[in-house]
Amino acid sequence: MNLTIKALTLILATTLPALAAEDQIHETRPAQAGGELVVDVDFGSISVTPGNGDKVTVDAQRKVEGVSEERAKQYLADAPIKVTTDGNKVIVRERRQHSLGGLFSWLGSIRTEAHFNVRVPANFRLDLDTAGGSISASGTTGTVKADTSGGKLAFEKIHGDIKADTSGGAITAKSCEGNIDLDTSGGHIEVTDSRGQLKADTSGGRVTVVNFAGDTKVESNGGKLRLANIGGKLNAETSGGAIEAILPSPVVGDVNLDTSAGSVTVMVPPNAGLTIDAETGSGHVQSDLPMSDVHSDNGSLKATVNGGGKRLVLRSGAGSIRIVAADHQTAQN
């Protein structure tokens, strides 16, 4: 009998339609190049791409499940999607005001899903904020601000400063140009084929930076760092992972690599002029490069390569340090 009840329950759960409410909008607003888009929403993903002509086009869809159809419709009605303009600024907003009791009445029952797809003039500033969802932007010129409480962030071919923050997701930036500031509390960061100035910080993931022209600062509280062809000063620190770095030819700026609990491996162009200062608390320091002015002790090495030059400072609290020669082709890979 119990098996029959369980089987019937499973059939009903998989065949009966889920109670839900949906809404959607398609709206267009005139806009000139050099304007600004603001998206400020309670939940859902945000995607911004360049459109055609002097206008902003907003396509949005929302769905609510897990409660009665009446309550789902009420949830959407409490915070309608509004598209407004203020001069050359277009604002897309969907925010509800909850009393504490009203908020708790929804918790544990409601499931929400939303997508906000916006097309803007190519030269347009972006200010994007969602309380729960991913954010992506590509192909625009102008500053980008992006903030989500729970989702990944992705940027491609952005020409302008980027300030991005997520409390729980990965961040990627590809072929971007500007001052790039990326922060995640729970995901990896990957930046490739970009230029400007980079600051990347994660509390719980790896960081990969490949082919970046400009000063770079990288921090991770618990992940591996992989850094290749950084055309500027490089400062990288991790509390819980190894560091692998491939220096460009020529080496453009000073390099500082520090890990509290991992190894450090640096590939160096054979013709690079460097002043090496390497030290580990538990391990050994090894260099395959021809060196002069060598001062070596247990776990430390100070020396010059090719007459000295840019500073290469390496620190490991609990791992070995290795400096190896790499040809230009290796650096490109």
C-alpha atoms as a PDB file:
ATOM      1  CA  MET A   1       0.000   0.000   0.000  1.00  0.00           C
ATOM      2  CA  ASN A   2       2.783   2.409   0.900  1.00  0.00           C
ATOM      3  CA  LEU A   3       4.551   1.661  -2.374  1.00  0.00           C
ATOM      4  CA  THR A   4       1.305   2.346  -4.264  1.00  0.00           C
ATOM      5  CA  ILE A   5       0.905   5.717  -2.548  1.00  0.00           C
ATOM      6  CA  LYS A   6       4.523   6.653  -3.248  1.00  0.00           C
ATOM      7  CA  ALA A   7       4.176   5.635  -6.889  1.00  0.00           C
ATOM      8  CA  LEU A   8       0.956   7.652  -7.262  1.00  0.00           C
ATOM      9  CA  THR A   9       2.601  10.664  -5.626  1.00  0.00           C
ATOM     10  CA  LEU A  10       5.548  10.421  -8.040  1.00  0.00           C
ATOM     11  CA  ILE A  11       3.243  10.184 -11.064  1.00  0.00           C
ATOM     12  CA  LEU A  12       1.251  13.213  -9.955  1.00  0.00           C
ATOM     13  CA  ALA A  13       4.394  15.219  -9.274  1.00  0.00           C
ATOM     14  CA  THR A  14       5.797  14.511 -12.732  1.00  0.00           C
ATOM     15  CA  THR A  15       2.571  14.892 -14.732  1.00  0.00           C
ATOM     16  CA  LEU A  16       0.627  17.738 -13.124  1.00  0.00           C
ATOM     17  CA  PRO A  17       1.604  21.215 -14.373  1.00  0.00           C
ATOM     18  CA  ALA A  18       3.398  23.403 -11.867  1.00  0.00           C
ATOM     19  CA  LEU A  19       1.472  26.431 -10.699  1.00  0.00           C
ATOM     20  CA  ALA A  20       3.129  29.522 -12.098  1.00  0.00           C
ATOM     21  CA  ALA A  21       2.668  33.055 -13.328  1.00  0.00           C
ATOM     22  CA  GLU A  22       4.650  34.766 -16.082  1.00  0.00           C
ATOM     23  CA  ASP A  23       4.962  38.207 -17.575  1.00  0.00           C
ATOM     24  CA  GLN A  24       7.111  39.851 -20.216  1.00  0.00           C
ATOM     25  CA  ILE A  25       7.755  43.240 -21.757  1.00  0.00           C
ATOM     26  CA  HIS A  26       9.256  44.600 -24.962  1.00  0.00           C
ATOM     27  CA  GLU A  27       9.922  48.320 -24.826  1.00  0.00           C
ATOM     28  CA  THR A  28      12.058  50.780 -26.760  1.00  0.00           C
ATOM     29  CA  ARG A  29      13.342  54.181 -25.661  1.00  0.00           C
ATOM     30  CA  PRO A  30      15.219  56.776 -27.743  1.00  0.00           C
ATOM     31  CA  ALA A  31      18.832  57.292 -26.656  1.00  0.00           C
ATOM     32  CA  GLN A  32      21.961  58.986 -27.911  1.00  0.00           C
ATOM     33  CA  ALA A  33      25.521  57.683 -27.854  1.00  0.00           C
ATOM     34  CA  GLY A  34      27.264  58.608 -24.601  1.00  0.00           C
ATOM     35  CA  GLY A  35      24.226  57.928 -22.449  1.00  0.00           C
ATOM     36  CA  GLU A  36      23.739  55.493 -19.595  1.00  0.00           C
ATOM     37  CA  LEU A  37      21.734  52.346 -18.913  1.00  0.00           C
ATOM     38  CA  VAL A  38      20.708  51.504 -15.337  1.00  0.00           C
ATOM     39  CA  VAL A  39      19.259  48.057 -14.613  1.00  0.00           C
ATOM     40  CA  ASP A  40      18.203  47.528 -10.978  1.00  0.00           C
ATOM     41  CA  VAL A  41      16.213  44.335 -10.351  1.00  0.00           C
ATOM     42  CA  ASP A  42      15.222  41.954  -7.555  1.00  0.00           C
ATOM     43  CA  PHE A  43      16.161  38.767  -9.377  1.00  0.00           C
ATOM     44  CA  GLY A  44      17.184  37.395 -12.749  1.00  0.00           C
ATOM     45  CA  SER A  45      20.004  37.510 -15.267  1.00  0.00           C
ATOM     46  CA  ILE A  46      21.032  40.661 -17.130  1.00  0.00           C
ATOM     47  CA  SER A  47      22.561  40.667 -20.608  1.00  0.00           C
ATOM     48  CA  VAL A  48      23.615  43.815 -22.490  1.00  0.00           C
ATOM     49  CA  THR A  49      24.774  43.967 -26.112  1.00  0.00           C
ATOM     50  CA  PRO A  50      25.050  46.726 -28.744  1.00  0.00           C
ATOM     51  CA  GLY A  51      21.996  47.339 -30.885  1.00  0.00           C
ATOM     52  CA  ASN A  52      21.277  49.252 -34.054  1.00  0.00           C
ATOM     53  CA  GLY A  53      20.480  52.967 -34.121  1.00  0.00           C
ATOM     54  CA  ASP A  54      19.954  55.499 -31.365  1.00  0.00           C
ATOM     55  CA  LYS A  55      17.683  53.550 -29.067  1.00  0.00           C
ATOM     56  CA  VAL A  56      17.590  51.211 -26.103  1.00  0.00           C
ATOM     57  CA  THR A  57      15.524  48.052 -26.477  1.00  0.00           C
ATOM     58  CA  VAL A  58      14.448  46.074 -23.412  1.00  0.00           C
ATOM     59  CA  ASP A  59      13.172  42.501 -23.576  1.00  0.00           C
ATOM     60  CA  ALA A  60      12.340  40.978 -20.199  1.00  0.00           C
ATOM     61  CA  GLN A  61      10.629  37.786 -19.084  1.00  0.00           C
ATOM     62  CA  ARG A  62       9.788  36.741 -15.520  1.00  0.00           C
ATOM     63  CA  LYS A  63       8.363  33.531 -14.056  1.00  0.00           C
ATOM     64  CA  VAL A  64       7.233  32.674 -10.534  1.00  0.00           C
ATOM     65  CA  GLU A  65       6.548  29.107  -9.359  1.00  0.00           C
ATOM     66  CA  GLY A  66       6.037  27.162  -6.148  1.00  0.00           C
ATOM     67  CA  VAL A  67       2.929  28.945  -4.890  1.00  0.00           C
ATOM     68  CA  SER A  68      -0.666  29.257  -6.035  1.00  0.00           C
ATOM     69  CA  GLU A  69      -1.265  31.020  -9.332  1.00  0.00           C
ATOM     70  CA  GLU A  70      -2.984  33.845  -7.487  1.00  0.00           C
ATOM     71  CA  ARG A  71      -0.029  34.412  -5.164  1.00  0.00           C
ATOM     72  CA  ALA A  72       2.437  34.125  -8.045  1.00  0.00           C
ATOM     73  CA  LYS A  73       0.588  36.797  -9.996  1.00  0.00           C
ATOM     74  CA  GLN A  74       0.481  38.986  -6.898  1.00  0.00           C
ATOM     75  CA  TYR A  75       4.237  38.582  -6.444  1.00  0.00           C
ATOM     76  CA  LEU A  76       4.840  39.918  -9.954  1.00  0.00           C
ATOM     77  CA  ALA A  77       2.240  42.655  -9.579  1.00  0.00           C
ATOM     78  CA  ASP A  78       3.887  43.929  -6.391  1.00  0.00           C
ATOM     79  CA  ALA A  79       6.962  44.955  -8.397  1.00  0.00           C
ATOM     80  CA  PRO A  80       6.194  45.601 -12.071  1.00  0.00           C
ATOM     81  CA  ILE A  81       9.043  46.145 -14.520  1.00  0.00           C
ATOM     82  CA  LYS A  82       9.312  49.863 -15.207  1.00  0.00           C
ATOM     83  CA  VAL A  83      11.319  51.427 -18.030  1.00  0.00           C
ATOM     84  CA  THR A  84      11.840  55.178 -17.632  1.00  0.00           C
ATOM     85  CA  THR A  85      14.153  57.868 -18.958  1.00  0.00           C
ATOM     86  CA  ASP A  86      15.985  60.738 -17.305  1.00  0.00           C
ATOM     87  CA  GLY A  87      17.668  62.831 -19.956  1.00  0.00           C
ATOM     88  CA  ASN A  88      19.969  60.450 -21.822  1.00  0.00           C
ATOM     89  CA  LYS A  89      19.701  57.814 -19.089  1.00  0.00           C
ATOM     90  CA  VAL A  90      17.428  54.788 -19.500  1.00  0.00           C
ATOM     91  CA  ILE A  91      16.376  53.064 -16.280  1.00  0.00           C
ATOM     92  CA  VAL A  92      15.020  49.511 -16.007  1.00  0.00           C
ATOM     93  CA  ARG A  93      13.797  48.861 -12.479  1.00  0.00           C
ATOM     94  CA  GLU A  94      11.995  46.024 -10.702  1.00  0.00           C
ATOM     95  CA  ARG A  95      12.201  46.295  -6.910  1.00  0.00           C
ATOM     96  CA  ARG A  96       9.663  45.402  -4.244  1.00  0.00           C
ATOM     97  CA  GLN A  97       9.364  46.769  -0.748  1.00  0.00           C
ATOM     98  CA  HIS A  98       8.994  43.970   1.805  1.00  0.00           C
ATOM     99  CA  SER A  99       7.965  44.249   5.383  1.00  0.00           C
ATOM    100  CA  LEU A 100       9.860  41.749   7.520  1.00  0.00           C
ATOM    101  CA  GLY A 101       6.752  39.636   8.014  1.00  0.00           C
ATOM    102  CA  GLY A 102       5.884  39.813   4.339  1.00  0.00           C
ATOM    103  CA  LEU A 103       9.368  38.735   3.364  1.00  0.00           C
ATOM    104  CA  PHE A 104       9.327  35.665   5.613  1.00  0.00           C
ATOM    105  CA  SER A 105       5.920  34.663   4.255  1.00  0.00           C
ATOM    106  CA  TRP A 106       7.553  34.036   0.862  1.00  0.00           C
ATOM    107  CA  LEU A 107      10.745  32.310   2.006  1.00  0.00           C
ATOM    108  CA  GLY A 108      11.060  28.580   1.378  1.00  0.00           C
ATOM    109  CA  SER A 109       8.175  28.445  -1.095  1.00  0.00           C
ATOM    110  CA  ILE A 110       8.589  30.712  -4.075  1.00  0.00           C
ATOM    111  CA  ARG A 111      10.866  30.035  -7.064  1.00  0.00           C
ATOM    112  CA  THR A 112      11.703  32.895  -9.387  1.00  0.00           C
ATOM    113  CA  GLU A 113      13.300  33.164 -12.803  1.00  0.00           C
ATOM    114  CA  ALA A 114      13.905  36.223 -14.966  1.00  0.00           C
ATOM    115  CA  HIS A 115      15.929  37.374 -17.956  1.00  0.00           C
ATOM    116  CA  PHE A 116      16.579  41.008 -18.854  1.00  0.00           C
ATOM    117  CA  ASN A 117      18.066  41.366 -22.337  1.00  0.00           C
ATOM    118  CA  VAL A 118      18.934  44.926 -23.305  1.00  0.00           C
ATOM    119  CA  ARG A 119      20.398  46.386 -26.503  1.00  0.00           C
ATOM    120  CA  VAL A 120      22.027  49.807 -26.333  1.00  0.00           C
ATOM    121  CA  PRO A 121      24.015  52.193 -28.550  1.00  0.00           C
ATOM    122  CA  ALA A 122      27.609  50.943 -28.755  1.00  0.00           C
ATOM    123  CA  ASN A 123      28.916  53.986 -26.853  1.00  0.00           C
ATOM    124  CA  PHE A 124      26.944  53.703 -23.613  1.00  0.00           C
ATOM    125  CA  ARG A 125      27.719  53.476 -19.898  1.00  0.00           C
ATOM    126  CA  LEU A 126      26.292  50.547 -17.937  1.00  0.00           C
ATOM    127  CA  ASP A 127      25.197  50.290 -14.290  1.00  0.00           C
ATOM    128  CA  LEU A 128      23.826  46.780 -13.689  1.00  0.00           C
ATOM    129  CA  ASP A 129      22.542  45.349 -10.399  1.00  0.00           C
ATOM    130  CA  THR A 130      20.612  42.163  -9.630  1.00  0.00           C
ATOM    131  CA  ALA A 131      19.957  40.556  -6.269  1.00  0.00           C
ATOM    132  CA  GLY A 132      20.240  37.087  -7.757  1.00  0.00           C
ATOM    133  CA  GLY A 133      21.455  36.164 -11.237  1.00  0.00           C
ATOM    134  CA  SER A 134      24.240  36.352 -13.771  1.00  0.00           C
ATOM    135  CA  ILE A 135      25.357  39.513 -15.587  1.00  0.00           C
ATOM    136  CA  SER A 136      27.009  39.724 -18.994  1.00  0.00           C
ATOM    137  CA  ALA A 137      28.015  42.634 -21.201  1.00  0.00           C
ATOM    138  CA  SER A 138      29.828  42.691 -24.517  1.00  0.00           C
ATOM    139  CA  GLY A 139      30.834  45.031 -27.301  1.00  0.00           C
ATOM    140  CA  THR A 140      30.189  48.365 -25.585  1.00  0.00           C
ATOM    141  CA  THR A 141      32.317  51.465 -25.090  1.00  0.00           C
ATOM    142  CA  GLY A 142      31.979  53.194 -21.722  1.00  0.00           C
ATOM    143  CA  THR A 143      32.269  52.388 -18.041  1.00  0.00           C
ATOM    144  CA  VAL A 144      30.627  49.230 -16.698  1.00  0.00           C
ATOM    145  CA  LYS A 145      29.477  48.683 -13.118  1.00  0.00           C
ATOM    146  CA  ALA A 146      28.050  45.258 -12.308  1.00  0.00           C
ATOM    147  CA  ASP A 147      26.888  43.822  -8.986  1.00  0.00           C
ATOM    148  CA  THR A 148      25.095  40.568  -8.181  1.00  0.00           C
ATOM    149  CA  SER A 149      24.459  38.789  -4.915  1.00  0.00           C
ATOM    150  CA  GLY A 150      24.558  35.368  -6.514  1.00  0.00           C
ATOM    151  CA  GLY A 151      25.723  34.706 -10.056  1.00  0.00           C
ATOM    152  CA  LYS A 152      28.565  34.756 -12.545  1.00  0.00           C
ATOM    153  CA  LEU A 153      29.824  37.850 -14.349  1.00  0.00           C
ATOM    154  CA  ALA A 154      31.112  37.843 -17.934  1.00  0.00           C
ATOM    155  CA  PHE A 155      32.559  40.685 -20.009  1.00  0.00           C
ATOM    156  CA  GLU A 156      33.872  40.640 -23.561  1.00  0.00           C
ATOM    157  CA  LYS A 157      35.205  43.397 -25.816  1.00  0.00           C
ATOM    158  CA  ILE A 158      34.419  46.154 -23.335  1.00  0.00           C
ATOM    159  CA  HIS A 159      36.269  49.422 -23.986  1.00  0.00           C
ATOM    160  CA  GLY A 160      36.010  51.262 -20.692  1.00  0.00           C
ATOM    161  CA  ASP A 161      36.607  50.818 -16.989  1.00  0.00           C
ATOM    162  CA  ILE A 162      34.947  47.785 -15.358  1.00  0.00           C
ATOM    163  CA  LYS A 163      33.976  47.544 -11.668  1.00  0.00           C
ATOM    164  CA  ALA A 164      32.388  44.164 -10.972  1.00  0.00           C
ATOM    165  CA  ASP A 165      31.385  42.375  -7.783  1.00  0.00           C
ATOM    166  CA  THR A 166      29.638  39.058  -7.083  1.00  0.00           C
ATOM    167  CA  SER A 167      29.004  37.332  -3.784  1.00  0.00           C
ATOM    168  CA  GLY A 168      28.884  33.875  -5.293  1.00  0.00           C
ATOM    169  CA  GLY A 169      30.115  33.258  -8.817  1.00  0.00           C
ATOM    170  CA  ALA A 170      32.926  33.225 -11.336  1.00  0.00           C
ATOM    171  CA  ILE A 171      34.105  36.294 -13.260  1.00  0.00           C
ATOM    172  CA  THR A 172      35.539  36.311 -16.775  1.00  0.00           C
ATOM    173  CA  ALA A 173      36.849  39.183 -18.881  1.00  0.00           C
ATOM    174  CA  LYS A 174      38.059  38.708 -22.447  1.00  0.00           C
ATOM    175  CA  SER A 175      39.451  41.251 -24.907  1.00  0.00           C
ATOM    176  CA  CYS A 176      38.635  44.198 -22.636  1.00  0.00           C
ATOM    177  CA  GLU A 177      40.437  47.532 -22.292  1.00  0.00           C
ATOM    178  CA  GLY A 178      40.424  49.841 -19.276  1.00  0.00           C
ATOM    179  CA  ASN A 179      40.865  49.835 -15.520  1.00  0.00           C
ATOM    180  CA  ILE A 180      39.406  46.457 -14.534  1.00  0.00           C
ATOM    181  CA  ASP A 181      38.436  45.785 -10.901  1.00  0.00           C
ATOM    182  CA  LEU A 182      36.967  42.325 -10.235  1.00  0.00           C
ATOM    183  CA  ASP A 183      35.862  40.900  -6.873  1.00  0.00           C
ATOM    184  CA  THR A 184      34.145  37.613  -6.013  1.00  0.00           C
ATOM    185  CA  SER A 185      33.496  36.003  -2.647  1.00  0.00           C
ATOM    186  CA  GLY A 186      33.124  32.520  -4.042  1.00  0.00           C
ATOM    187  CA  GLY A 187      34.428  31.765  -7.522  1.00  0.00           C
ATOM    188  CA  HIS A 188      37.318  31.808  -9.934  1.00  0.00           C
ATOM    189  CA  ILE A 189      38.493  34.763 -12.018  1.00  0.00           C
ATOM    190  CA  GLU A 190      39.797  34.537 -15.578  1.00  0.00           C
ATOM    191  CA  VAL A 191      41.107  37.473 -17.620  1.00  0.00           C
ATOM    192  CA  THR A 192      42.502  36.970 -21.122  1.00  0.00           C
ATOM    193  CA  ASP A 193      43.772  39.101 -24.018  1.00  0.00           C
ATOM    194  CA  SER A 194      43.082  42.423 -22.310  1.00  0.00           C
ATOM    195  CA  ARG A 195      44.875  45.660 -21.455  1.00  0.00           C
ATOM    196  CA  GLY A 196      44.797  48.566 -19.031  1.00  0.00           C
ATOM    197  CA  GLN A 197      45.134  48.044 -15.273  1.00  0.00           C
ATOM    198  CA  LEU A 198      43.868  44.966 -13.447  1.00  0.00           C
ATOM    199  CA  LYS A 199      42.856  44.266  -9.872  1.00  0.00           C
ATOM    200  CA  ALA A 200      41.382  40.807  -9.237  1.00  0.00           C
ATOM    201  CA  ASP A 201      40.354  39.483  -5.819  1.00  0.00           C
ATOM    202  CA  THR A 202      38.643  36.208  -4.889  1.00  0.00           C
ATOM    203  CA  SER A 203      37.935  34.753  -1.469  1.00  0.00           C
ATOM    204  CA  GLY A 204      37.573  31.211  -2.694  1.00  0.00           C
ATOM    205  CA  GLY A 205      38.891  30.314  -6.131  1.00  0.00           C
ATOM    206  CA  ARG A 206      41.692  30.249  -8.635  1.00  0.00           C
ATOM    207  CA  VAL A 207      42.823  33.217 -10.711  1.00  0.00           C
ATOM    208  CA  THR A 208      44.034  32.995 -14.307  1.00  0.00           C
ATOM    209  CA  VAL A 209      45.425  35.996 -16.168  1.00  0.00           C
ATOM    210  CA  VAL A 210      46.846  35.438 -19.657  1.00  0.00           C
ATOM    211  CA  ASN A 211      48.069  38.139 -22.047  1.00  0.00           C
ATOM    212  CA  PHE A 212      47.344  41.286 -20.083  1.00  0.00           C
ATOM    213  CA  ALA A 213      49.099  44.538 -21.055  1.00  0.00           C
ATOM    214  CA  GLY A 214      49.300  46.643 -17.913  1.00  0.00           C
ATOM    215  CA  ASP A 215      49.924  46.630 -14.185  1.00  0.00           C
ATOM    216  CA  THR A 216      48.257  43.671 -12.473  1.00  0.00           C
ATOM    217  CA  LYS A 217      47.367  42.925  -8.854  1.00  0.00           C
ATOM    218  CA  VAL A 218      45.885  39.523  -7.981  1.00  0.00           C
ATOM    219  CA  GLU A 219      44.759  38.120  -4.621  1.00  0.00           C
ATOM    220  CA  SER A 220      43.136  34.841  -3.594  1.00  0.00           C
ATOM    221  CA  ASN A 221      42.370  33.479  -0.149  1.00  0.00           C
ATOM    222  CA  GLY A 222      42.182  29.917  -1.336  1.00  0.00           C
ATOM    223  CA  GLY A 223      43.206  29.161  -4.889  1.00  0.00           C
ATOM    224  CA  LYS A 224      45.912  28.612  -7.457  1.00  0.00           C
ATOM    225  CA  LEU A 225      47.259  31.509  -9.502  1.00  0.00           C
ATOM    226  CA  ARG A 226      48.242  31.126 -13.157  1.00  0.00           C
ATOM    227  CA  LEU A 227      49.768  34.225 -14.720  1.00  0.00           C
ATOM    228  CA  ALA A 228      51.216  34.503 -18.226  1.00  0.00           C
ATOM    229  CA  ASN A 229      52.559  37.397 -20.279  1.00  0.00           C
ATOM    230  CA  ILE A 230      51.750  40.291 -17.959  1.00  0.00           C
ATOM    231  CA  GLY A 231      53.008  43.464 -19.622  1.00  0.00           C
ATOM    232  CA  GLY A 232      53.402  45.600 -16.514  1.00  0.00           C
ATOM    233  CA  LYS A 233      54.080  45.392 -12.796  1.00  0.00           C
ATOM    234  CA  LEU A 234      52.825  42.123 -11.343  1.00  0.00           C
ATOM    235  CA  ASN A 235      51.806  41.606  -7.713  1.00  0.00           C
ATOM    236  CA  ALA A 236      50.147  38.286  -6.880  1.00  0.00           C
ATOM    237  CA  GLU A 237      49.306  36.722  -3.533  1.00  0.00           C
ATOM    238  CA  THR A 238      47.424  33.601  -2.443  1.00  0.00           C
ATOM    239  CA  SER A 239      46.848  32.097   0.973  1.00  0.00           C
ATOM    240  CA  GLY A 240      46.153  28.591  -0.207  1.00  0.00           C
ATOM    241  CA  GLY A 241      47.564  27.542  -3.563  1.00  0.00           C
ATOM    242  CA  ALA A 242      50.474  27.311  -5.964  1.00  0.00           C
ATOM    243  CA  ILE A 243      51.610  30.112  -8.257  1.00  0.00           C
ATOM    244  CA  GLU A 244      52.673  29.546 -11.850  1.00  0.00           C
ATOM    245  CA  ALA A 245      53.958  32.515 -13.854  1.00  0.00           C
ATOM    246  CA  ILE A 246      55.331  32.928 -17.367  1.00  0.00           C
ATOM    247  CA  LEU A 247      57.127  36.248 -17.778  1.00  0.00           C
ATOM    248  CA  PRO A 248      57.000  38.075 -21.117  1.00  0.00           C
ATOM    249  CA  SER A 249      59.968  39.048 -23.243  1.00  0.00           C
ATOM    250  CA  PRO A 250      61.008  41.678 -22.396  1.00  0.00           C
ATOM    251  CA  VAL A 251      60.019  41.746 -18.723  1.00  0.00           C
ATOM    252  CA  VAL A 252      58.188  45.073 -18.426  1.00  0.00           C
ATOM    253  CA  GLY A 253      57.765  45.558 -14.665  1.00  0.00           C
ATOM    254  CA  ASP A 254      58.809  44.291 -11.250  1.00  0.00           C
ATOM    255  CA  VAL A 255      57.295  40.951 -10.219  1.00  0.00           C
ATOM    256  CA  ASN A 256      56.194  40.010  -6.677  1.00  0.00           C
ATOM    257  CA  LEU A 257      54.702  36.543  -6.086  1.00  0.00           C
ATOM    258  CA  ASP A 258      53.712  35.348  -2.599  1.00  0.00           C
ATOM    259  CA  THR A 259      51.955  32.194  -1.394  1.00  0.00           C
ATOM    260  CA  SER A 260      51.402  31.064   2.182  1.00  0.00           C
ATOM    261  CA  ALA A 261      50.878  27.395   1.365  1.00  0.00           C
ATOM    262  CA  GLY A 262      52.082  26.339  -2.075  1.00  0.00           C
ATOM    263  CA  SER A 263      54.915  26.197  -4.554  1.00  0.00           C
ATOM    264  CA  VAL A 264      56.072  28.975  -6.889  1.00  0.00           C
ATOM    265  CA  THR A 265      57.206  28.247 -10.455  1.00  0.00           C
ATOM    266  CA  VAL A 266      58.389  31.057 -12.723  1.00  0.00           C
ATOM    267  CA  MET A 267      59.345  30.692 -16.389  1.00  0.00           C
ATOM    268  CA  VAL A 268      61.745  33.442 -17.462  1.00  0.00           C
ATOM    269  CA  PRO A 269      62.974  34.463 -20.953  1.00  0.00           C
ATOM    270  CA  PRO A 270      66.703  33.521 -21.113  1.00  0.00           C
ATOM    271  CA  ASN A 271      67.691  37.065 -22.158  1.00  0.00           C
ATOM    272  CA  ALA A 272      65.819  38.805 -19.315  1.00  0.00           C
ATOM    273  CA  GLY A 273      67.766  41.058 -16.958  1.00  0.00           C
ATOM    274  CA  LEU A 274      66.526  40.360 -13.428  1.00  0.00           C
ATOM    275  CA  THR A 275      67.408  40.897  -9.800  1.00  0.00           C
ATOM    276  CA  ILE A 276      66.194  37.839  -7.895  1.00  0.00           C
ATOM    277  CA  ASP A 277      65.103  37.757  -4.262  1.00  0.00           C
ATOM    278  CA  ALA A 278      63.555  34.368  -3.397  1.00  0.00           C
ATOM    279  CA  GLU A 279      62.780  32.868   0.007  1.00  0.00           C
ATOM    280  CA  THR A 280      60.774  29.933   1.329  1.00  0.00           C
ATOM    281  CA  GLY A 281      60.003  28.899   4.897  1.00  0.00           C
ATOM    282  CA  SER A 282      59.707  25.194   4.139  1.00  0.00           C
ATOM    283  CA  GLY A 283      61.269  23.934   0.942  1.00  0.00           C
ATOM    284  CA  HIS A 284      64.092  24.817  -1.410  1.00  0.00           C
ATOM    285  CA  VAL A 285      64.877  27.424  -4.061  1.00  0.00           C
ATOM    286  CA  GLN A 286      66.097  26.210  -7.452  1.00  0.00           C
ATOM    287  CA  SER A 287      67.146  28.241 -10.502  1.00  0.00           C
ATOM    288  CA  ASP A 288      68.125  26.944 -13.932  1.00  0.00           C
ATOM    289  CA  LEU A 289      69.321  30.370 -15.087  1.00  0.00           C
ATOM    290  CA  PRO A 290      72.986  31.447 -15.315  1.00  0.00           C
ATOM    291  CA  MET A 291      73.387  33.817 -12.359  1.00  0.00           C
ATOM    292  CA  SER A 292      75.967  36.153 -10.857  1.00  0.00           C
ATOM    293  CA  ASP A 293      76.343  37.917  -7.488  1.00  0.00           C
ATOM    294  CA  VAL A 294      74.825  34.815  -5.915  1.00  0.00           C
ATOM    295  CA  HIS A 295      73.976  34.730  -2.218  1.00  0.00           C
ATOM    296  CA  SER A 296      72.340  31.433  -1.304  1.00  0.00           C
ATOM    297  CA  ASP A 297      71.298  29.934   2.020  1.00  0.00           C
ATOM    298  CA  ASN A 298      68.834  27.354   3.254  1.00  0.00           C
ATOM    299  CA  GLY A 299      65.598  28.316   1.568  1.00  0.00           C
ATOM    300  CA  SER A 300      66.781  31.631   0.118  1.00  0.00           C
ATOM    301  CA  LEU A 301      68.442  32.979  -3.014  1.00  0.00           C
ATOM    302  CA  LYS A 302      69.605  36.439  -4.000  1.00  0.00           C
ATOM    303  CA  ALA A 303      71.248  36.867  -7.398  1.00  0.00           C
ATOM    304  CA  THR A 304      71.282  38.770 -10.677  1.00  0.00           C
ATOM    305  CA  VAL A 305      70.591  37.449 -14.157  1.00  0.00           C
ATOM    306  CA  ASN A 306      72.058  39.048 -17.280  1.00  0.00           C
ATOM    307  CA  GLY A 307      73.439  41.955 -15.263  1.00  0.00           C
ATOM    308  CA  GLY A 308      70.303  42.546 -13.200  1.00  0.00           C
ATOM    309  CA  GLY A 309      67.194  44.560 -13.916  1.00  0.00           C
ATOM    310  CA  LYS A 310      63.548  44.238 -12.936  1.00  0.00           C
ATOM    311  CA  ARG A 311      63.030  42.827  -9.447  1.00  0.00           C
ATOM    312  CA  LEU A 312      61.737  39.259  -9.166  1.00  0.00           C
ATOM    313  CA  VAL A 313      60.604  38.763  -5.557  1.00  0.00           C
ATOM    314  CA  LEU A 314      59.318  35.302  -4.692  1.00  0.00           C
ATOM    315  CA  ARG A 315      57.972  34.098  -1.336  1.00  0.00           C
ATOM    316  CA  SER A 316      56.507  30.803  -0.140  1.00  0.00           C
ATOM    317  CA  GLY A 317      55.581  29.972   3.422  1.00  0.00           C
ATOM    318  CA  ALA A 318      55.374  26.229   2.866  1.00  0.00           C
ATOM    319  CA  GLY A 319      56.575  25.186  -0.575  1.00  0.00           C
ATOM    320  CA  SER A 320      59.453  25.133  -3.027  1.00  0.00           C
ATOM    321  CA  ILE A 321      60.420  27.883  -5.466  1.00  0.00           C
ATOM    322  CA  ARG A 322      61.657  27.124  -8.961  1.00  0.00           C
ATOM    323  CA  ILE A 323      62.946  29.522 -11.627  1.00  0.00           C
ATOM    324  CA  VAL A 324      63.327  28.035 -15.099  1.00  0.00           C
ATOM    325  CA  ALA A 325      64.293  29.322 -18.537  1.00  0.00           C
ATOM    326  CA  ALA A 326      61.510  29.530 -21.091  1.00  0.00           C
ATOM    327  CA  ASP A 327      61.809  30.497 -24.739  1.00  0.00           C
ATOM    328  CA  HIS A 328      59.442  32.979 -26.356  1.00  0.00           C
ATOM    329  CA  GLN A 329      57.283  30.240 -27.878  1.00  0.00           C
ATOM    330  CA  THR A 330      56.745  28.688 -24.466  1.00  0.00           C
ATOM    331  CA  ALA A 331      55.641  32.054 -23.100  1.00  0.00           C
ATOM    332  CA  GLN A 332      53.048  32.411 -25.864  1.00  0.00           C
ATOM    333  CA  ASN A 333      51.507  29.080 -24.887  1.00  0.00           C
END
